[in-house]
Amino acid sequence: MASAVNAAGDPIPTSAVLMSSSKHIANKCRSENVAYLQCKQKDPNPEKCLEKGHQVTRCVLSLLKDLHQRCTKEMDAYVGCMYYHTNEFDLCRKEQEAFEKACPLE
């Protein structure tokens, strides 16, 4: 598997990283996501919601960095399992449990 982090040590937001962190993202970045979706509902012009989209991206990248710093081993194991099993949650429950125990949802 390719490295899950870039040269700066920050997690690369691959599908396995995003799927593994999806509960945390839904929890921590809820207000940014809601604001973005409301903007998109009001105005289908993509330009109108760029800043809201940037806020979602900033929130997610900041969260991924924080999770990776706090729970490196557990996150890497869960992401590795998800990568190996093509993002099948059911095949990675043991790794998911360890990750969520080390980095509980806040």
PDB file of N, CA and C in Angstrom:
ATOM      1  N   MET A   1       0.849  -1.187   0.000  1.00  0.00           N
ATOM      2  CA  MET A   1       0.000   0.000   0.000  1.00  0.00           C
ATOM      3  C   MET A   1       0.884   1.236   0.000  1.00  0.00           C
ATOM      4  N   ALA A   2       0.487   2.236  -0.742  1.00  0.00           N
ATOM      5  CA  ALA A   2       1.192   3.515  -0.732  1.00  0.00           C
ATOM      6  C   ALA A   2       1.030   4.148   0.641  1.00  0.00           C
ATOM      7  N   SER A   3       1.920   5.066   0.963  1.00  0.00           N
ATOM      8  CA  SER A   3       1.862   5.717   2.263  1.00  0.00           C
ATOM      9  C   SER A   3       0.556   6.485   2.419  1.00  0.00           C
ATOM     10  N   ALA A   4       0.012   6.463   3.633  1.00  0.00           N
ATOM     11  CA  ALA A   4      -1.231   7.171   3.914  1.00  0.00           C
ATOM     12  C   ALA A   4      -0.967   8.620   4.304  1.00  0.00           C
ATOM     13  N   VAL A   5       0.319   9.002   4.347  1.00  0.00           N
ATOM     14  CA  VAL A   5       0.670  10.377   4.714  1.00  0.00           C
ATOM     15  C   VAL A   5       1.568  10.985   3.650  1.00  0.00           C
ATOM     16  N   ASN A   6       1.552  12.313   3.581  1.00  0.00           N
ATOM     17  CA  ASN A   6       2.411  13.008   2.626  1.00  0.00           C
ATOM     18  C   ASN A   6       3.767  13.313   3.280  1.00  0.00           C
ATOM     19  N   ALA A   7       4.624  14.037   2.591  1.00  0.00           N
ATOM     20  CA  ALA A   7       5.965  14.330   3.099  1.00  0.00           C
ATOM     21  C   ALA A   7       5.931  15.120   4.411  1.00  0.00           C
ATOM     22  N   ALA A   8       4.886  15.909   4.616  1.00  0.00           N
ATOM     23  CA  ALA A   8       4.753  16.690   5.855  1.00  0.00           C
ATOM     24  C   ALA A   8       4.191  15.854   7.002  1.00  0.00           C
ATOM     25  N   GLY A   9       3.815  14.604   6.703  1.00  0.00           N
ATOM     26  CA  GLY A   9       3.265  13.737   7.737  1.00  0.00           C
ATOM     27  C   GLY A   9       1.764  13.870   7.917  1.00  0.00           C
ATOM     28  N   ASP A  10       1.117  14.615   7.023  1.00  0.00           N
ATOM     29  CA  ASP A  10      -0.336  14.775   7.089  1.00  0.00           C
ATOM     30  C   ASP A  10      -1.012  13.667   6.294  1.00  0.00           C
ATOM     31  N   PRO A  11      -2.161  13.164   6.798  1.00  0.00           N
ATOM     32  CA  PRO A  11      -2.861  12.105   6.067  1.00  0.00           C
ATOM     33  C   PRO A  11      -3.335  12.586   4.697  1.00  0.00           C
ATOM     34  N   ILE A  12      -3.189  11.732   3.699  1.00  0.00           N
ATOM     35  CA  ILE A  12      -3.670  12.017   2.352  1.00  0.00           C
ATOM     36  C   ILE A  12      -5.140  11.582   2.315  1.00  0.00           C
ATOM     37  N   PRO A  13      -6.061  12.464   1.907  1.00  0.00           N
ATOM     38  CA  PRO A  13      -7.488  12.118   1.971  1.00  0.00           C
ATOM     39  C   PRO A  13      -7.933  11.154   0.866  1.00  0.00           C
ATOM     40  N   THR A  14      -7.415   9.935   0.910  1.00  0.00           N
ATOM     41  CA  THR A  14      -7.834   8.888  -0.023  1.00  0.00           C
ATOM     42  C   THR A  14      -9.221   8.392   0.396  1.00  0.00           C
ATOM     43  N   SER A  15      -9.834   7.579  -0.436  1.00  0.00           N
ATOM     44  CA  SER A  15     -11.153   7.051  -0.072  1.00  0.00           C
ATOM     45  C   SER A  15     -11.074   6.236   1.218  1.00  0.00           C
ATOM     46  N   ALA A  16     -10.022   5.468   1.411  1.00  0.00           N
ATOM     47  CA  ALA A  16      -9.900   4.659   2.634  1.00  0.00           C
ATOM     48  C   ALA A  16      -9.769   5.554   3.869  1.00  0.00           C
ATOM     49  N   VAL A  17      -9.012   6.638   3.767  1.00  0.00           N
ATOM     50  CA  VAL A  17      -8.862   7.577   4.896  1.00  0.00           C
ATOM     51  C   VAL A  17     -10.208   8.240   5.186  1.00  0.00           C
ATOM     52  N   LEU A  18     -10.888   8.710   4.146  1.00  0.00           N
ATOM     53  CA  LEU A  18     -12.167   9.396   4.332  1.00  0.00           C
ATOM     54  C   LEU A  18     -13.241   8.445   4.861  1.00  0.00           C
ATOM     55  N   MET A  19     -13.289   7.234   4.343  1.00  0.00           N
ATOM     56  CA  MET A  19     -14.279   6.262   4.833  1.00  0.00           C
ATOM     57  C   MET A  19     -13.998   5.889   6.289  1.00  0.00           C
ATOM     58  N   SER A  20     -12.737   5.688   6.621  1.00  0.00           N
ATOM     59  CA  SER A  20     -12.369   5.323   7.985  1.00  0.00           C
ATOM     60  C   SER A  20     -12.701   6.435   8.974  1.00  0.00           C
ATOM     61  N   SER A  21     -12.646   7.657   8.515  1.00  0.00           N
ATOM     62  CA  SER A  21     -12.872   8.823   9.385  1.00  0.00           C
ATOM     63  C   SER A  21     -14.274   9.400   9.231  1.00  0.00           C
ATOM     64  N   SER A  22     -15.136   8.723   8.487  1.00  0.00           N
ATOM     65  CA  SER A  22     -16.433   9.320   8.129  1.00  0.00           C
ATOM     66  C   SER A  22     -17.292   9.689   9.332  1.00  0.00           C
ATOM     67  N   LYS A  23     -17.302   8.867  10.381  1.00  0.00           N
ATOM     68  CA  LYS A  23     -18.104   9.204  11.566  1.00  0.00           C
ATOM     69  C   LYS A  23     -17.566  10.467  12.229  1.00  0.00           C
ATOM     70  N   HIS A  24     -16.241  10.565  12.311  1.00  0.00           N
ATOM     71  CA  HIS A  24     -15.624  11.746  12.912  1.00  0.00           C
ATOM     72  C   HIS A  24     -15.902  12.991  12.071  1.00  0.00           C
ATOM     73  N   ILE A  25     -15.824  12.833  10.750  1.00  0.00           N
ATOM     74  CA  ILE A  25     -16.083  13.962   9.845  1.00  0.00           C
ATOM     75  C   ILE A  25     -17.537  14.418   9.996  1.00  0.00           C
ATOM     76  N   ALA A  26     -18.464  13.467  10.010  1.00  0.00           N
ATOM     77  CA  ALA A  26     -19.888  13.813  10.145  1.00  0.00           C
ATOM     78  C   ALA A  26     -20.134  14.563  11.448  1.00  0.00           C
ATOM     79  N   ASN A  27     -19.439  14.168  12.485  1.00  0.00           N
ATOM     80  CA  ASN A  27     -19.609  14.765  13.806  1.00  0.00           C
ATOM     81  C   ASN A  27     -18.944  16.140  13.895  1.00  0.00           C
ATOM     82  N   LYS A  28     -17.680  16.200  13.532  1.00  0.00           N
ATOM     83  CA  LYS A  28     -16.875  17.408  13.745  1.00  0.00           C
ATOM     84  C   LYS A  28     -17.137  18.498  12.698  1.00  0.00           C
ATOM     85  N   CYS A  29     -17.449  18.120  11.470  1.00  0.00           N
ATOM     86  CA  CYS A  29     -17.605  19.098  10.382  1.00  0.00           C
ATOM     87  C   CYS A  29     -19.065  19.267   9.963  1.00  0.00           C
ATOM     88  N   ARG A  30     -19.974  18.908  10.842  1.00  0.00           N
ATOM     89  CA  ARG A  30     -21.414  18.977  10.534  1.00  0.00           C
ATOM     90  C   ARG A  30     -21.848  20.384  10.122  1.00  0.00           C
ATOM     91  N   SER A  31     -21.503  21.394  10.895  1.00  0.00           N
ATOM     92  CA  SER A  31     -21.992  22.748  10.592  1.00  0.00           C
ATOM     93  C   SER A  31     -21.450  23.246   9.252  1.00  0.00           C
ATOM     94  N   GLU A  32     -20.191  22.945   8.946  1.00  0.00           N
ATOM     95  CA  GLU A  32     -19.615  23.345   7.656  1.00  0.00           C
ATOM     96  C   GLU A  32     -20.320  22.638   6.498  1.00  0.00           C
ATOM     97  N   ASN A  33     -20.597  21.345   6.683  1.00  0.00           N
ATOM     98  CA  ASN A  33     -21.282  20.585   5.637  1.00  0.00           C
ATOM     99  C   ASN A  33     -22.708  21.084   5.423  1.00  0.00           C
ATOM    100  N   VAL A  34     -23.415  21.368   6.514  1.00  0.00           N
ATOM    101  CA  VAL A  34     -24.793  21.864   6.410  1.00  0.00           C
ATOM    102  C   VAL A  34     -24.805  23.215   5.698  1.00  0.00           C
ATOM    103  N   ALA A  35     -23.891  24.106   6.073  1.00  0.00           N
ATOM    104  CA  ALA A  35     -23.824  25.425   5.433  1.00  0.00           C
ATOM    105  C   ALA A  35     -23.549  25.283   3.933  1.00  0.00           C
ATOM    106  N   TYR A  36     -22.665  24.371   3.576  1.00  0.00           N
ATOM    107  CA  TYR A  36     -22.349  24.138   2.163  1.00  0.00           C
ATOM    108  C   TYR A  36     -23.571  23.610   1.408  1.00  0.00           C
ATOM    109  N   LEU A  37     -24.243  22.620   1.975  1.00  0.00           N
ATOM    110  CA  LEU A  37     -25.412  22.035   1.315  1.00  0.00           C
ATOM    111  C   LEU A  37     -26.546  23.051   1.185  1.00  0.00           C
ATOM    112  N   GLN A  38     -26.734  23.884   2.207  1.00  0.00           N
ATOM    113  CA  GLN A  38     -27.760  24.922   2.121  1.00  0.00           C
ATOM    114  C   GLN A  38     -27.423  25.928   1.027  1.00  0.00           C
ATOM    115  N   CYS A  39     -26.159  26.283   0.919  1.00  0.00           N
ATOM    116  CA  CYS A  39     -25.715  27.191  -0.130  1.00  0.00           C
ATOM    117  C   CYS A  39     -26.005  26.580  -1.501  1.00  0.00           C
ATOM    118  N   LYS A  40     -25.672  25.310  -1.679  1.00  0.00           N
ATOM    119  CA  LYS A  40     -25.892  24.634  -2.958  1.00  0.00           C
ATOM    120  C   LYS A  40     -27.388  24.549  -3.298  1.00  0.00           C
ATOM    121  N   GLN A  41     -28.213  24.382  -2.276  1.00  0.00           N
ATOM    122  CA  GLN A  41     -29.662  24.326  -2.502  1.00  0.00           C
ATOM    123  C   GLN A  41     -30.182  25.682  -2.980  1.00  0.00           C
ATOM    124  N   LYS A  42     -29.651  26.745  -2.385  1.00  0.00           N
ATOM    125  CA  LYS A  42     -30.101  28.098  -2.723  1.00  0.00           C
ATOM    126  C   LYS A  42     -29.646  28.525  -4.107  1.00  0.00           C
ATOM    127  N   ASP A  43     -28.424  28.124  -4.480  1.00  0.00           N
ATOM    128  CA  ASP A  43     -27.853  28.606  -5.731  1.00  0.00           C
ATOM    129  C   ASP A  43     -27.029  27.504  -6.391  1.00  0.00           C
ATOM    130  N   PRO A  44     -27.487  26.958  -7.515  1.00  0.00           N
ATOM    131  CA  PRO A  44     -26.762  25.878  -8.182  1.00  0.00           C
ATOM    132  C   PRO A  44     -25.449  26.326  -8.837  1.00  0.00           C
ATOM    133  N   ASN A  45     -25.207  27.647  -8.908  1.00  0.00           N
ATOM    134  CA  ASN A  45     -23.972  28.159  -9.490  1.00  0.00           C
ATOM    135  C   ASN A  45     -22.792  27.770  -8.583  1.00  0.00           C
ATOM    136  N   PRO A  46     -21.885  26.923  -9.057  1.00  0.00           N
ATOM    137  CA  PRO A  46     -20.776  26.440  -8.215  1.00  0.00           C
ATOM    138  C   PRO A  46     -19.929  27.563  -7.613  1.00  0.00           C
ATOM    139  N   GLU A  47     -19.805  28.675  -8.351  1.00  0.00           N
ATOM    140  CA  GLU A  47     -18.981  29.787  -7.859  1.00  0.00           C
ATOM    141  C   GLU A  47     -19.501  30.380  -6.563  1.00  0.00           C
ATOM    142  N   LYS A  48     -20.806  30.340  -6.368  1.00  0.00           N
ATOM    143  CA  LYS A  48     -21.431  30.983  -5.206  1.00  0.00           C
ATOM    144  C   LYS A  48     -21.078  30.273  -3.898  1.00  0.00           C
ATOM    145  N   CYS A  49     -20.686  29.025  -3.970  1.00  0.00           N
ATOM    146  CA  CYS A  49     -20.459  28.243  -2.751  1.00  0.00           C
ATOM    147  C   CYS A  49     -19.001  27.832  -2.559  1.00  0.00           C
ATOM    148  N   LEU A  50     -18.095  28.432  -3.312  1.00  0.00           N
ATOM    149  CA  LEU A  50     -16.683  28.050  -3.207  1.00  0.00           C
ATOM    150  C   LEU A  50     -16.141  28.215  -1.793  1.00  0.00           C
ATOM    151  N   GLU A  51     -16.436  29.342  -1.151  1.00  0.00           N
ATOM    152  CA  GLU A  51     -15.903  29.577   0.197  1.00  0.00           C
ATOM    153  C   GLU A  51     -16.450  28.557   1.187  1.00  0.00           C
ATOM    154  N   LYS A  52     -17.736  28.240   1.061  1.00  0.00           N
ATOM    155  CA  LYS A  52     -18.331  27.210   1.942  1.00  0.00           C
ATOM    156  C   LYS A  52     -17.652  25.860   1.700  1.00  0.00           C
ATOM    157  N   GLY A  53     -17.337  25.566   0.440  1.00  0.00           N
ATOM    158  CA  GLY A  53     -16.633  24.326   0.107  1.00  0.00           C
ATOM    159  C   GLY A  53     -15.228  24.301   0.694  1.00  0.00           C
ATOM    160  N   HIS A  54     -14.560  25.457   0.647  1.00  0.00           N
ATOM    161  CA  HIS A  54     -13.219  25.558   1.242  1.00  0.00           C
ATOM    162  C   HIS A  54     -13.284  25.338   2.751  1.00  0.00           C
ATOM    163  N   GLN A  55     -14.345  25.825   3.387  1.00  0.00           N
ATOM    164  CA  GLN A  55     -14.500  25.638   4.834  1.00  0.00           C
ATOM    165  C   GLN A  55     -14.667  24.161   5.177  1.00  0.00           C
ATOM    166  N   VAL A  56     -15.420  23.440   4.359  1.00  0.00           N
ATOM    167  CA  VAL A  56     -15.582  21.989   4.565  1.00  0.00           C
ATOM    168  C   VAL A  56     -14.225  21.302   4.412  1.00  0.00           C
ATOM    169  N   THR A  57     -13.507  21.638   3.353  1.00  0.00           N
ATOM    170  CA  THR A  57     -12.199  21.023   3.100  1.00  0.00           C
ATOM    171  C   THR A  57     -11.232  21.311   4.242  1.00  0.00           C
ATOM    172  N   ARG A  58     -11.184  22.564   4.690  1.00  0.00           N
ATOM    173  CA  ARG A  58     -10.293  22.921   5.815  1.00  0.00           C
ATOM    174  C   ARG A  58     -10.637  22.130   7.064  1.00  0.00           C
ATOM    175  N   CYS A  59     -11.928  22.020   7.355  1.00  0.00           N
ATOM    176  CA  CYS A  59     -12.365  21.275   8.537  1.00  0.00           C
ATOM    177  C   CYS A  59     -11.926  19.814   8.443  1.00  0.00           C
ATOM    178  N   VAL A  60     -12.173  19.187   7.302  1.00  0.00           N
ATOM    179  CA  VAL A  60     -11.843  17.761   7.128  1.00  0.00           C
ATOM    180  C   VAL A  60     -10.339  17.539   7.211  1.00  0.00           C
ATOM    181  N   LEU A  61      -9.554  18.355   6.514  1.00  0.00           N
ATOM    182  CA  LEU A  61      -8.093  18.174   6.536  1.00  0.00           C
ATOM    183  C   LEU A  61      -7.523  18.402   7.929  1.00  0.00           C
ATOM    184  N   SER A  62      -8.042  19.397   8.637  1.00  0.00           N
ATOM    185  CA  SER A  62      -7.597  19.662  10.007  1.00  0.00           C
ATOM    186  C   SER A  62      -7.952  18.485  10.922  1.00  0.00           C
ATOM    187  N   LEU A  63      -9.148  17.958  10.765  1.00  0.00           N
ATOM    188  CA  LEU A  63      -9.580  16.809  11.560  1.00  0.00           C
ATOM    189  C   LEU A  63      -8.717  15.586  11.268  1.00  0.00           C
ATOM    190  N   LEU A  64      -8.455  15.310   9.990  1.00  0.00           N
ATOM    191  CA  LEU A  64      -7.625  14.152   9.637  1.00  0.00           C
ATOM    192  C   LEU A  64      -6.237  14.268  10.251  1.00  0.00           C
ATOM    193  N   LYS A  65      -5.675  15.460  10.202  1.00  0.00           N
ATOM    194  CA  LYS A  65      -4.350  15.685  10.787  1.00  0.00           C
ATOM    195  C   LYS A  65      -4.384  15.431  12.299  1.00  0.00           C
ATOM    196  N   ASP A  66      -5.409  15.951  12.966  1.00  0.00           N
ATOM    197  CA  ASP A  66      -5.562  15.762  14.405  1.00  0.00           C
ATOM    198  C   ASP A  66      -5.735  14.286  14.760  1.00  0.00           C
ATOM    199  N   LEU A  67      -6.610  13.593  14.039  1.00  0.00           N
ATOM    200  CA  LEU A  67      -6.826  12.168  14.305  1.00  0.00           C
ATOM    201  C   LEU A  67      -5.536  11.381  14.107  1.00  0.00           C
ATOM    202  N   HIS A  68      -4.811  11.700  13.038  1.00  0.00           N
ATOM    203  CA  HIS A  68      -3.586  10.962  12.750  1.00  0.00           C
ATOM    204  C   HIS A  68      -2.517  11.222  13.813  1.00  0.00           C
ATOM    205  N   GLN A  69      -2.470  12.432  14.344  1.00  0.00           N
ATOM    206  CA  GLN A  69      -1.494  12.733  15.397  1.00  0.00           C
ATOM    207  C   GLN A  69      -1.854  12.045  16.711  1.00  0.00           C
ATOM    208  N   ARG A  70      -3.155  11.989  17.012  1.00  0.00           N
ATOM    209  CA  ARG A  70      -3.590  11.423  18.294  1.00  0.00           C
ATOM    210  C   ARG A  70      -3.654   9.897  18.280  1.00  0.00           C
ATOM    211  N   CYS A  71      -3.961   9.298  17.143  1.00  0.00           N
ATOM    212  CA  CYS A  71      -4.215   7.850  17.075  1.00  0.00           C
ATOM    213  C   CYS A  71      -3.509   7.227  15.875  1.00  0.00           C
ATOM    214  N   THR A  72      -2.251   7.532  15.713  1.00  0.00           N
ATOM    215  CA  THR A  72      -1.508   7.137  14.514  1.00  0.00           C
ATOM    216  C   THR A  72      -1.620   5.646  14.217  1.00  0.00           C
ATOM    217  N   LYS A  73      -1.267   4.828  15.190  1.00  0.00           N
ATOM    218  CA  LYS A  73      -1.212   3.377  14.979  1.00  0.00           C
ATOM    219  C   LYS A  73      -2.589   2.817  14.633  1.00  0.00           C
ATOM    220  N   GLU A  74      -3.603   3.217  15.387  1.00  0.00           N
ATOM    221  CA  GLU A  74      -4.955   2.697  15.178  1.00  0.00           C
ATOM    222  C   GLU A  74      -5.553   3.198  13.857  1.00  0.00           C
ATOM    223  N   MET A  75      -5.306   4.467  13.549  1.00  0.00           N
ATOM    224  CA  MET A  75      -5.829   5.013  12.295  1.00  0.00           C
ATOM    225  C   MET A  75      -5.155   4.333  11.104  1.00  0.00           C
ATOM    226  N   ASP A  76      -3.837   4.168  11.172  1.00  0.00           N
ATOM    227  CA  ASP A  76      -3.116   3.521  10.078  1.00  0.00           C
ATOM    228  C   ASP A  76      -3.588   2.076   9.877  1.00  0.00           C
ATOM    229  N   ALA A  77      -3.846   1.369  10.980  1.00  0.00           N
ATOM    230  CA  ALA A  77      -4.317  -0.018  10.875  1.00  0.00           C
ATOM    231  C   ALA A  77      -5.709  -0.065  10.238  1.00  0.00           C
ATOM    232  N   TYR A  78      -6.591   0.836  10.650  1.00  0.00           N
ATOM    233  CA  TYR A  78      -7.952   0.867  10.117  1.00  0.00           C
ATOM    234  C   TYR A  78      -7.939   1.270   8.641  1.00  0.00           C
ATOM    235  N   VAL A  79      -7.195   2.309   8.322  1.00  0.00           N
ATOM    236  CA  VAL A  79      -7.090   2.761   6.930  1.00  0.00           C
ATOM    237  C   VAL A  79      -6.486   1.660   6.065  1.00  0.00           C
ATOM    238  N   GLY A  80      -5.451   0.990   6.563  1.00  0.00           N
ATOM    239  CA  GLY A  80      -4.822  -0.097   5.817  1.00  0.00           C
ATOM    240  C   GLY A  80      -5.792  -1.225   5.544  1.00  0.00           C
ATOM    241  N   CYS A  81      -6.600  -1.565   6.541  1.00  0.00           N
ATOM    242  CA  CYS A  81      -7.607  -2.618   6.372  1.00  0.00           C
ATOM    243  C   CYS A  81      -8.652  -2.185   5.343  1.00  0.00           C
ATOM    244  N   MET A  82      -9.118  -0.951   5.450  1.00  0.00           N
ATOM    245  CA  MET A  82     -10.129  -0.456   4.508  1.00  0.00           C
ATOM    246  C   MET A  82      -9.565  -0.422   3.085  1.00  0.00           C
ATOM    247  N   TYR A  83      -8.323  -0.023   2.959  1.00  0.00           N
ATOM    248  CA  TYR A  83      -7.675  -0.006   1.648  1.00  0.00           C
ATOM    249  C   TYR A  83      -7.605  -1.422   1.073  1.00  0.00           C
ATOM    250  N   TYR A  84      -7.141  -2.347   1.892  1.00  0.00           N
ATOM    251  CA  TYR A  84      -6.960  -3.732   1.462  1.00  0.00           C
ATOM    252  C   TYR A  84      -8.295  -4.369   1.064  1.00  0.00           C
ATOM    253  N   HIS A  85      -9.340  -4.066   1.841  1.00  0.00           N
ATOM    254  CA  HIS A  85     -10.654  -4.683   1.615  1.00  0.00           C
ATOM    255  C   HIS A  85     -11.606  -3.767   0.831  1.00  0.00           C
ATOM    256  N   THR A  86     -11.060  -2.821   0.078  1.00  0.00           N
ATOM    257  CA  THR A  86     -11.843  -1.924  -0.785  1.00  0.00           C
ATOM    258  C   THR A  86     -13.002  -1.271  -0.032  1.00  0.00           C
ATOM    259  N   ASN A  87     -12.681  -0.699   1.129  1.00  0.00           N
ATOM    260  CA  ASN A  87     -13.624   0.090   1.938  1.00  0.00           C
ATOM    261  C   ASN A  87     -14.847  -0.692   2.418  1.00  0.00           C
ATOM    262  N   GLU A  88     -14.669  -1.981   2.677  1.00  0.00           N
ATOM    263  CA  GLU A  88     -15.756  -2.799   3.225  1.00  0.00           C
ATOM    264  C   GLU A  88     -15.696  -2.740   4.753  1.00  0.00           C
ATOM    265  N   PHE A  89     -16.577  -1.921   5.343  1.00  0.00           N
ATOM    266  CA  PHE A  89     -16.583  -1.748   6.805  1.00  0.00           C
ATOM    267  C   PHE A  89     -16.665  -3.079   7.544  1.00  0.00           C
ATOM    268  N   ASP A  90     -17.508  -3.982   7.060  1.00  0.00           N
ATOM    269  CA  ASP A  90     -17.736  -5.244   7.770  1.00  0.00           C
ATOM    270  C   ASP A  90     -16.475  -6.079   7.934  1.00  0.00           C
ATOM    271  N   LEU A  91     -15.505  -5.909   7.053  1.00  0.00           N
ATOM    272  CA  LEU A  91     -14.274  -6.704   7.127  1.00  0.00           C
ATOM    273  C   LEU A  91     -13.209  -6.038   8.009  1.00  0.00           C
ATOM    274  N   CYS A  92     -13.531  -4.866   8.557  1.00  0.00           N
ATOM    275  CA  CYS A  92     -12.538  -4.109   9.339  1.00  0.00           C
ATOM    276  C   CYS A  92     -13.085  -3.684  10.702  1.00  0.00           C
ATOM    277  N   ARG A  93     -14.048  -4.398  11.230  1.00  0.00           N
ATOM    278  CA  ARG A  93     -14.675  -4.005  12.499  1.00  0.00           C
ATOM    279  C   ARG A  93     -13.684  -3.979  13.668  1.00  0.00           C
ATOM    280  N   LYS A  94     -12.755  -4.930  13.701  1.00  0.00           N
ATOM    281  CA  LYS A  94     -11.770  -4.988  14.791  1.00  0.00           C
ATOM    282  C   LYS A  94     -10.909  -3.727  14.778  1.00  0.00           C
ATOM    283  N   GLU A  95     -10.439  -3.341  13.596  1.00  0.00           N
ATOM    284  CA  GLU A  95      -9.609  -2.136  13.454  1.00  0.00           C
ATOM    285  C   GLU A  95     -10.432  -0.874  13.730  1.00  0.00           C
ATOM    286  N   GLN A  96     -11.690  -0.897  13.305  1.00  0.00           N
ATOM    287  CA  GLN A  96     -12.581   0.245  13.557  1.00  0.00           C
ATOM    288  C   GLN A  96     -12.778   0.434  15.063  1.00  0.00           C
ATOM    289  N   GLU A  97     -13.021  -0.659  15.759  1.00  0.00           N
ATOM    290  CA  GLU A  97     -13.237  -0.591  17.204  1.00  0.00           C
ATOM    291  C   GLU A  97     -12.000  -0.032  17.913  1.00  0.00           C
ATOM    292  N   ALA A  98     -10.826  -0.488  17.523  1.00  0.00           N
ATOM    293  CA  ALA A  98      -9.579   0.009  18.137  1.00  0.00           C
ATOM    294  C   ALA A  98      -9.390   1.502  17.849  1.00  0.00           C
ATOM    295  N   PHE A  99      -9.678   1.913  16.618  1.00  0.00           N
ATOM    296  CA  PHE A  99      -9.547   3.327  16.233  1.00  0.00           C
ATOM    297  C   PHE A  99     -10.528   4.189  17.020  1.00  0.00           C
ATOM    298  N   GLU A 100     -11.780   3.766  17.110  1.00  0.00           N
ATOM    299  CA  GLU A 100     -12.790   4.568  17.798  1.00  0.00           C
ATOM    300  C   GLU A 100     -12.589   4.563  19.310  1.00  0.00           C
ATOM    301  N   LYS A 101     -11.918   3.546  19.824  1.00  0.00           N
ATOM    302  CA  LYS A 101     -11.582   3.538  21.255  1.00  0.00           C
ATOM    303  C   LYS A 101     -10.431   4.515  21.521  1.00  0.00           C
ATOM    304  N   ALA A 102      -9.437   4.525  20.633  1.00  0.00           N
ATOM    305  CA  ALA A 102      -8.277   5.411  20.792  1.00  0.00           C
ATOM    306  C   ALA A 102      -8.658   6.866  20.511  1.00  0.00           C
ATOM    307  N   CYS A 103      -9.534   7.082  19.552  1.00  0.00           N
ATOM    308  CA  CYS A 103      -9.977   8.431  19.163  1.00  0.00           C
ATOM    309  C   CYS A 103     -11.502   8.444  19.188  1.00  0.00           C
ATOM    310  N   PRO A 104     -12.099   8.529  20.387  1.00  0.00           N
ATOM    311  CA  PRO A 104     -13.563   8.479  20.460  1.00  0.00           C
ATOM    312  C   PRO A 104     -14.227   9.670  19.777  1.00  0.00           C
ATOM    313  N   LEU A 105     -15.458   9.456  19.338  1.00  0.00           N
ATOM    314  CA  LEU A 105     -16.233  10.561  18.751  1.00  0.00           C
ATOM    315  C   LEU A 105     -16.511  11.572  19.859  1.00  0.00           C
ATOM    316  N   GLU A 106     -16.364  12.839  19.511  1.00  0.00           N
ATOM    317  CA  GLU A 106     -16.551  13.889  20.542  1.00  0.00           C
ATOM    318  C   GLU A 106     -17.899  14.534  20.393  1.00  0.00           C
TER     319      GLU A 106
END
